[in-house]
Structure formats: C-alpha cells, structure tokens
Protein backbone atom coordinates (compact mmCIF):
# COMPACT_ATOMS: atom_id res chain seq x y z
CA MET A 1 -0.01 0.57 -0.10
CA LYS A 2 1.42 3.13 -1.00
CA CYS A 3 2.49 5.78 1.78
CA PRO A 4 -0.05 9.09 1.20
CA ASN A 5 2.46 11.06 3.43
CA CYS A 6 5.93 9.68 1.26
CA GLY A 7 4.66 8.08 -1.42
CA PHE A 8 6.70 4.64 -0.22
CA GLN A 9 5.22 1.23 -1.31
CA ASP A 10 5.89 -0.57 1.87
CA SER A 11 3.91 -0.36 4.60
CA LYS A 12 2.79 -2.85 7.28
CA VAL A 13 -0.82 -3.47 8.86
CA ILE A 14 -1.05 -2.49 12.56
CA ASP A 15 -5.13 -3.42 13.18
CA SER A 16 -7.50 -4.71 11.25
CA ARG A 17 -11.36 -4.39 11.93
CA PRO A 18 -14.44 -4.79 9.97
CA VAL A 19 -16.32 -1.63 8.83
CA GLU A 20 -20.28 -1.91 10.57
CA GLU A 21 -22.03 -2.95 7.46
CA ARG A 22 -19.77 -5.91 6.97
CA ASN A 23 -18.81 -5.91 3.64
CA SER A 24 -15.30 -4.21 4.27
CA ILE A 25 -12.51 -4.23 6.27
CA ARG A 26 -10.60 -0.49 8.14
CA ARG A 27 -6.79 -1.18 8.25
CA ARG A 28 -4.88 0.87 10.47
CA ARG A 29 -1.58 1.28 8.30
CA GLU A 30 2.13 2.60 8.90
CA CYS A 31 4.68 3.20 6.82
CA LEU A 32 8.13 1.50 6.42
CA ALA A 33 10.02 4.37 5.14
CA CYS A 34 8.18 7.39 7.14
CA GLN A 35 6.43 6.35 10.90
CA LYS A 36 3.25 7.95 9.18
CA ARG A 37 0.12 6.02 10.23
CA PHE A 38 -3.25 6.13 7.71
CA THR A 39 -6.28 4.31 7.10
CA THR A 40 -6.88 2.26 4.45
CA PHE A 41 -10.26 1.00 3.61
CA GLU A 42 -10.81 -2.69 1.82
CA MET A 43 -13.41 -3.84 -0.07
CA ILE A 44 -14.38 -7.59 -1.23
CA GLU A 45 -14.69 -7.46 -5.30
CA SER A 46 -18.21 -9.04 -6.24
CA MET A 47 -19.10 -9.78 -9.74
CA GLN A 48 -22.67 -9.02 -10.95
CA ILE A 49 -24.28 -12.10 -11.65
CA LEU A 50 -27.11 -12.68 -13.93
CA VAL A 51 -30.31 -14.74 -13.41
CA VAL A 52 -31.46 -16.50 -16.72
CA LYS A 53 -35.43 -16.13 -16.50
CA LYS A 54 -37.67 -18.75 -17.44
CA ASN A 55 -38.95 -16.80 -20.93
CA GLY A 56 -34.86 -16.42 -21.35
CA ASP A 57 -34.54 -13.03 -20.22
CA LYS A 58 -31.67 -11.98 -18.52
CA GLU A 59 -31.55 -9.94 -15.72
CA LEU A 60 -29.01 -8.71 -12.61
CA PHE A 61 -29.37 -11.06 -9.28
CA ASP A 62 -31.68 -9.00 -6.86
CA ARG A 63 -30.90 -10.65 -2.89
CA SER A 64 -34.06 -8.59 -1.86
CA LYS A 65 -35.99 -9.92 -4.55
CA MET A 66 -35.22 -13.50 -3.39
CA LEU A 67 -35.32 -12.48 0.20
CA SER A 68 -38.79 -11.68 -0.28
CA GLY A 69 -39.86 -15.24 -2.07
CA ILE A 70 -37.92 -16.38 1.32
CA MET A 71 -39.86 -14.56 4.13
CA LYS A 72 -42.80 -15.03 2.97
CA ALA A 73 -42.66 -18.96 3.35
CA CYS A 74 -41.08 -18.40 6.49
CA GLN A 75 -43.49 -15.85 8.00
CA LYS A 76 -44.37 -17.43 11.82
CA ARG A 77 -41.79 -19.77 11.33
CA PRO A 78 -38.81 -20.51 13.35
CA VAL A 79 -36.80 -20.11 10.49
CA ARG A 80 -34.18 -17.09 9.39
CA GLY A 81 -34.86 -15.85 6.11
CA GLU A 82 -32.00 -13.81 6.17
CA GLU A 83 -29.71 -15.98 6.69
CA ILE A 84 -30.76 -18.58 4.03
CA ALA A 85 -30.72 -15.61 1.78
CA ALA A 86 -27.09 -14.65 2.78
CA GLU A 87 -25.58 -18.25 2.33
CA ILE A 88 -27.45 -18.75 -1.47
CA GLU A 89 -25.88 -15.86 -2.58
CA THR A 90 -22.44 -16.26 -0.78
CA GLU A 91 -22.59 -19.49 -2.89
CA LEU A 92 -23.31 -17.78 -6.00
CA GLN A 93 -20.64 -16.08 -5.68
CA ASN A 94 -18.05 -18.23 -4.68
CA SER A 95 -19.19 -20.69 -7.58
CA LEU A 96 -17.65 -18.04 -10.34
CA VAL A 97 -20.40 -18.19 -12.49
CA GLN A 98 -21.51 -15.44 -14.13
CA GLU A 99 -25.11 -16.51 -14.80
CA VAL A 100 -27.35 -18.80 -13.34
CA SER A 101 -30.86 -20.12 -13.56
CA SER A 102 -34.07 -19.02 -12.01
CA ARG A 103 -34.23 -22.78 -11.54
CA ARG A 104 -31.62 -23.20 -10.03
CA ILE A 105 -32.20 -20.13 -7.94
CA GLY A 106 -35.32 -21.58 -6.64
CA GLU A 107 -33.96 -25.53 -6.20
CA MET A 108 -31.39 -23.92 -4.06
CA ILE A 109 -33.82 -21.83 -1.72
CA MET A 110 -35.83 -25.20 -1.88
CA GLN A 111 -33.01 -27.36 -0.54
CA LYS A 112 -31.82 -25.22 2.29
CA LEU A 113 -35.75 -24.80 4.02
CA LYS A 114 -36.03 -28.67 3.36
CA GLN A 115 -33.24 -28.53 5.87
CA ARG A 116 -34.88 -26.42 8.00
CA ASP A 117 -38.80 -26.59 8.31
CA ASP A 118 -41.10 -28.16 6.32
CA VAL A 119 -43.91 -25.98 6.77
CA ALA A 120 -41.42 -23.59 5.51
CA TYR A 121 -40.70 -25.68 2.42
CA VAL A 122 -43.62 -26.77 1.83
CA ARG A 123 -45.29 -23.18 1.56
CA PHE A 124 -42.19 -22.29 -0.79
CA ALA A 125 -42.35 -25.02 -3.14
CA SER A 126 -46.52 -24.47 -3.51
CA VAL A 127 -46.04 -21.41 -5.20
CA TYR A 128 -42.53 -21.71 -6.50
CA ARG A 129 -43.67 -25.61 -8.83
CA GLU A 130 -47.02 -23.70 -8.96
CA PHE A 131 -49.02 -26.52 -7.94
CA LYS A 132 -52.50 -26.48 -9.40
CA ASP A 133 -54.55 -29.16 -7.11
CA LEU A 134 -54.48 -30.59 -3.95
CA ASP A 135 -53.23 -34.17 -5.54
CA THR A 136 -50.00 -32.02 -6.54
CA PHE A 137 -49.85 -30.62 -2.70
CA LEU A 138 -50.64 -33.96 -1.43
CA LEU A 139 -47.84 -35.79 -3.27
CA GLU A 140 -45.68 -32.88 -2.52
CA LEU A 141 -46.53 -34.11 1.31
CA LYS A 142 -45.85 -37.25 0.98
CA GLU A 143 -42.78 -37.73 -0.26
CA LEU A 144 -41.72 -35.15 2.34
CA LYS A 145 -42.40 -37.25 4.98
CA GLU A 146 -40.99 -40.33 3.65
CA GLN A 147 -37.96 -39.01 3.42
CA LYS A 148 -37.71 -37.77 7.05
C-alpha cells in the first residue's frame, strides 16, 4: 500500500477491524519509511450475476427479490430467512458463474428450507412449483414424509 505522505510502497498493518456493514475492512497502517500512520478500507469485489428467467430474459441478481420470497415462506416460522438468503448469495458468488438460472436459485432455496423447516419448504414449493390442485400438494407432502 502506497504511503499518502511519502509515497513509499511498503507499510505494515497495525490494526484491522470490520466496518459496520460487514462488507469492508478498515486497516490502520504504518509506513515503513516515514512511520506516518494512515487508514485504508478494503472491500470485497463482488461479481455481477445475471439471472436467466424461464422466458430467457436476463436480469441482474437481486438479493431483496430472493429474500422477499423466502420471507413469505418463513412467515411465523422459526426460520431465519436472511440467513438463507445470505448463504445462497455467498454460494453464487463463490461459484464464479456469471449466469445462473432462476430455476437453480429456486432449487437452492427449497433445499435449504427443506433442511430447516418442513412447513416453510412446502409453502415455498407450492408457489415455486405452481401446484395446480390438492393432489399435487398431497403428493409433495407424501414424498416429504417418506424422506423423514
């Protein structure tokens, strides 16, 4: 890191701490040449992910849109929807893919809900898979019960 005082290229980190939003780190540094102290902020560079919709349209990944669907399924349930959304977003960022299908995101959500809460899972699946009648709903419940 270049010193803002003398321009020397090397410095040592004295203190590091996360910034309140948890998306960057504040570092106190000391120049190895002039011993002047300065602060830097480091942010994770996230990749823009495109979501490919059922009809082929592409749009930027929107965490709030995903979170909205999860929160509806988790309403009045002991499940932390924000946690699930964060896990999925992290998995997508770590996968380093630039495009992901909306179907894949839906499957990821259902997998995580299934692990945490059956009711939230069935709520989400009924909307996501567009259950048309009671028989489809009962079939999903039967499969879920057999897996348990």
